[in-house]
């Protein structure tokens, strides 16, 4: 994923989710996951898919059970 693509997806997510604290961190080494954070807290991984020239991006959000509030 290029730096330009990362910046564009980050801008999109900030706009549609109304949250300027969303950050997408370029991977340290090529092929490593592209991490997405909100206010420094890891929320998921971003993937790029190129299918016959059509490019899309998928955000896989991970929610740990231990991070959930107790059952009401």
N, C-alpha and C. Protein backbone atom coordinates (compact mmCIF):
# COMPACT_ATOMS: atom_id res chain seq x y z
N UNK A 1 0.85 -1.16 0.00
CA UNK A 1 0.00 0.00 0.00
C UNK A 1 0.90 1.24 0.00
N UNK A 2 0.61 2.18 -0.88
CA UNK A 2 1.45 3.36 -0.99
C UNK A 2 1.09 4.39 0.09
N UNK A 3 2.02 5.30 0.33
CA UNK A 3 1.77 6.38 1.29
C UNK A 3 0.57 7.21 0.87
N UNK A 4 0.41 7.42 -0.43
CA UNK A 4 -0.73 8.19 -0.94
C UNK A 4 -2.05 7.47 -0.65
N UNK A 5 -2.09 6.16 -0.86
CA UNK A 5 -3.30 5.39 -0.58
C UNK A 5 -3.64 5.43 0.91
N UNK A 6 -2.62 5.28 1.74
CA UNK A 6 -2.83 5.33 3.19
C UNK A 6 -3.41 6.68 3.59
N UNK A 7 -2.86 7.76 3.07
CA UNK A 7 -3.35 9.10 3.40
C UNK A 7 -4.80 9.28 2.93
N UNK A 8 -5.12 8.77 1.77
CA UNK A 8 -6.48 8.91 1.24
C UNK A 8 -7.49 8.12 2.06
N UNK A 9 -7.13 6.88 2.43
CA UNK A 9 -8.03 6.06 3.24
C UNK A 9 -8.19 6.68 4.63
N UNK A 10 -7.10 7.17 5.20
CA UNK A 10 -7.18 7.82 6.51
C UNK A 10 -8.11 9.03 6.46
N UNK A 11 -7.98 9.84 5.44
CA UNK A 11 -8.85 11.01 5.27
C UNK A 11 -10.31 10.59 5.14
N UNK A 12 -10.55 9.54 4.37
CA UNK A 12 -11.91 9.03 4.19
C UNK A 12 -12.50 8.56 5.52
N UNK A 13 -11.75 7.73 6.26
CA UNK A 13 -12.25 7.22 7.53
C UNK A 13 -12.51 8.35 8.53
N UNK A 14 -11.63 9.32 8.59
CA UNK A 14 -11.83 10.46 9.50
C UNK A 14 -13.11 11.21 9.16
N UNK A 15 -13.36 11.36 7.87
CA UNK A 15 -14.54 12.11 7.43
C UNK A 15 -15.82 11.33 7.70
N UNK A 16 -15.90 10.08 7.27
CA UNK A 16 -17.15 9.33 7.40
C UNK A 16 -17.44 8.89 8.84
N UNK A 17 -16.41 8.75 9.66
CA UNK A 17 -16.62 8.37 11.05
C UNK A 17 -16.54 9.57 12.00
N UNK A 18 -16.35 10.75 11.44
CA UNK A 18 -16.30 12.01 12.22
C UNK A 18 -15.33 11.90 13.39
N UNK A 19 -14.11 11.45 13.10
CA UNK A 19 -13.13 11.29 14.16
C UNK A 19 -11.74 11.59 13.61
N UNK A 20 -11.19 12.73 14.00
CA UNK A 20 -9.87 13.14 13.54
C UNK A 20 -8.73 12.39 14.23
N UNK A 21 -9.06 11.56 15.22
CA UNK A 21 -8.03 10.83 15.95
C UNK A 21 -7.71 9.48 15.32
N UNK A 22 -8.34 9.17 14.18
CA UNK A 22 -8.04 7.94 13.45
C UNK A 22 -6.69 8.12 12.75
N UNK A 23 -5.83 7.15 12.92
CA UNK A 23 -4.51 7.20 12.28
C UNK A 23 -4.19 5.84 11.66
N UNK A 24 -3.64 5.90 10.46
CA UNK A 24 -3.19 4.68 9.78
C UNK A 24 -1.68 4.76 9.69
N UNK A 25 -1.02 3.77 10.26
CA UNK A 25 0.43 3.77 10.34
C UNK A 25 1.01 2.91 9.22
N UNK A 26 1.86 3.51 8.38
CA UNK A 26 2.52 2.70 7.35
C UNK A 26 3.37 1.61 8.01
N UNK A 27 3.42 0.43 7.41
CA UNK A 27 4.20 -0.66 8.01
C UNK A 27 5.69 -0.35 8.01
N UNK A 28 6.37 -0.89 9.01
CA UNK A 28 7.82 -0.69 9.11
C UNK A 28 8.55 -1.41 7.98
N UNK A 29 8.09 -2.62 7.69
CA UNK A 29 8.70 -3.38 6.59
C UNK A 29 7.62 -3.76 5.59
N UNK A 30 8.02 -3.88 4.35
CA UNK A 30 7.07 -4.22 3.29
C UNK A 30 6.43 -5.57 3.56
N UNK A 31 5.14 -5.65 3.36
CA UNK A 31 4.40 -6.88 3.58
C UNK A 31 3.82 -7.00 4.98
N UNK A 32 4.24 -6.13 5.89
CA UNK A 32 3.70 -6.15 7.25
C UNK A 32 2.30 -5.52 7.24
N UNK A 33 1.48 -5.83 8.24
CA UNK A 33 0.13 -5.26 8.28
C UNK A 33 0.14 -3.74 8.43
N UNK A 34 -0.88 -3.12 7.88
CA UNK A 34 -1.07 -1.68 8.02
C UNK A 34 -2.05 -1.50 9.18
N UNK A 35 -1.56 -0.93 10.28
CA UNK A 35 -2.36 -0.82 11.49
C UNK A 35 -3.17 0.47 11.53
N UNK A 36 -4.39 0.35 12.07
CA UNK A 36 -5.28 1.49 12.24
C UNK A 36 -5.48 1.69 13.74
N UNK A 37 -5.32 2.94 14.19
CA UNK A 37 -5.51 3.26 15.60
C UNK A 37 -6.47 4.42 15.74
N UNK A 38 -7.07 4.51 16.93
CA UNK A 38 -7.89 5.66 17.30
C UNK A 38 -7.32 6.16 18.62
N UNK A 39 -6.84 7.38 18.61
CA UNK A 39 -6.22 7.99 19.80
C UNK A 39 -5.12 7.09 20.36
N UNK A 40 -4.36 6.46 19.49
CA UNK A 40 -3.24 5.63 19.90
C UNK A 40 -3.60 4.20 20.26
N UNK A 41 -4.90 3.88 20.28
CA UNK A 41 -5.36 2.53 20.63
C UNK A 41 -5.57 1.72 19.35
N UNK A 42 -4.88 0.59 19.24
CA UNK A 42 -5.02 -0.28 18.07
C UNK A 42 -6.46 -0.76 17.96
N UNK A 43 -7.04 -0.62 16.74
CA UNK A 43 -8.40 -1.13 16.53
C UNK A 43 -8.48 -2.16 15.41
N UNK A 44 -7.50 -2.18 14.52
CA UNK A 44 -7.60 -3.15 13.44
C UNK A 44 -6.50 -3.02 12.40
N UNK A 45 -6.69 -3.80 11.34
CA UNK A 45 -5.71 -3.87 10.26
C UNK A 45 -6.39 -3.55 8.94
N UNK A 46 -5.69 -2.81 8.10
CA UNK A 46 -6.20 -2.39 6.80
C UNK A 46 -5.55 -3.23 5.70
N UNK A 47 -6.37 -3.72 4.78
CA UNK A 47 -5.88 -4.52 3.66
C UNK A 47 -6.26 -3.87 2.34
N UNK A 48 -5.40 -4.04 1.35
CA UNK A 48 -5.65 -3.56 -0.01
C UNK A 48 -5.92 -4.76 -0.90
N UNK A 49 -6.97 -4.66 -1.71
CA UNK A 49 -7.30 -5.75 -2.63
C UNK A 49 -7.36 -5.20 -4.05
N UNK A 50 -6.64 -5.82 -4.95
CA UNK A 50 -6.66 -5.43 -6.36
C UNK A 50 -7.20 -6.61 -7.15
N UNK A 51 -8.45 -6.50 -7.58
CA UNK A 51 -9.12 -7.58 -8.30
C UNK A 51 -9.42 -7.11 -9.72
N UNK A 52 -8.64 -7.59 -10.65
CA UNK A 52 -8.79 -7.25 -12.07
C UNK A 52 -8.83 -5.74 -12.30
N UNK A 53 -7.95 -5.04 -11.61
CA UNK A 53 -7.84 -3.60 -11.80
C UNK A 53 -8.73 -2.76 -10.90
N UNK A 54 -9.67 -3.40 -10.20
CA UNK A 54 -10.52 -2.67 -9.25
C UNK A 54 -9.90 -2.77 -7.87
N UNK A 55 -9.55 -1.62 -7.31
CA UNK A 55 -8.89 -1.57 -6.01
C UNK A 55 -9.91 -1.27 -4.92
N UNK A 56 -9.84 -2.03 -3.83
CA UNK A 56 -10.68 -1.76 -2.66
C UNK A 56 -9.83 -1.93 -1.41
N UNK A 57 -10.33 -1.40 -0.32
CA UNK A 57 -9.64 -1.48 0.96
C UNK A 57 -10.59 -2.07 1.98
N UNK A 58 -10.08 -2.96 2.82
CA UNK A 58 -10.89 -3.60 3.86
C UNK A 58 -10.26 -3.31 5.21
N UNK A 59 -11.11 -2.93 6.15
CA UNK A 59 -10.66 -2.69 7.51
C UNK A 59 -11.20 -3.81 8.38
N UNK A 60 -10.30 -4.59 8.96
CA UNK A 60 -10.67 -5.68 9.86
C UNK A 60 -10.47 -5.18 11.28
N UNK A 61 -11.60 -4.96 12.00
CA UNK A 61 -11.54 -4.43 13.36
C UNK A 61 -11.58 -5.59 14.34
N UNK A 62 -10.64 -5.58 15.26
CA UNK A 62 -10.57 -6.61 16.29
C UNK A 62 -11.06 -6.05 17.61
N UNK A 63 -11.98 -6.78 18.26
CA UNK A 63 -12.49 -6.38 19.56
C UNK A 63 -12.24 -7.55 20.52
N UNK A 64 -11.38 -7.31 21.49
CA UNK A 64 -11.08 -8.33 22.47
C UNK A 64 -12.20 -8.39 23.51
N UNK A 65 -12.58 -9.59 23.88
CA UNK A 65 -13.65 -9.77 24.86
C UNK A 65 -13.31 -9.04 26.16
N UNK A 66 -12.04 -9.03 26.53
CA UNK A 66 -11.64 -8.38 27.78
C UNK A 66 -11.81 -6.87 27.74
N UNK A 67 -11.93 -6.30 26.55
CA UNK A 67 -12.13 -4.85 26.42
C UNK A 67 -13.60 -4.45 26.50
N UNK A 68 -14.50 -5.41 26.43
CA UNK A 68 -15.93 -5.11 26.46
C UNK A 68 -16.39 -4.78 27.88
N UNK A 69 -17.41 -3.92 27.99
CA UNK A 69 -17.94 -3.62 29.32
C UNK A 69 -18.69 -4.84 29.86
N UNK A 70 -18.89 -4.89 31.18
CA UNK A 70 -19.63 -6.02 31.74
C UNK A 70 -21.06 -6.05 31.23
N UNK A 71 -21.66 -7.24 31.27
CA UNK A 71 -23.04 -7.39 30.84
C UNK A 71 -23.94 -6.62 31.80
N UNK A 72 -24.89 -5.89 31.24
CA UNK A 72 -25.78 -5.08 32.08
C UNK A 72 -26.85 -5.91 32.74
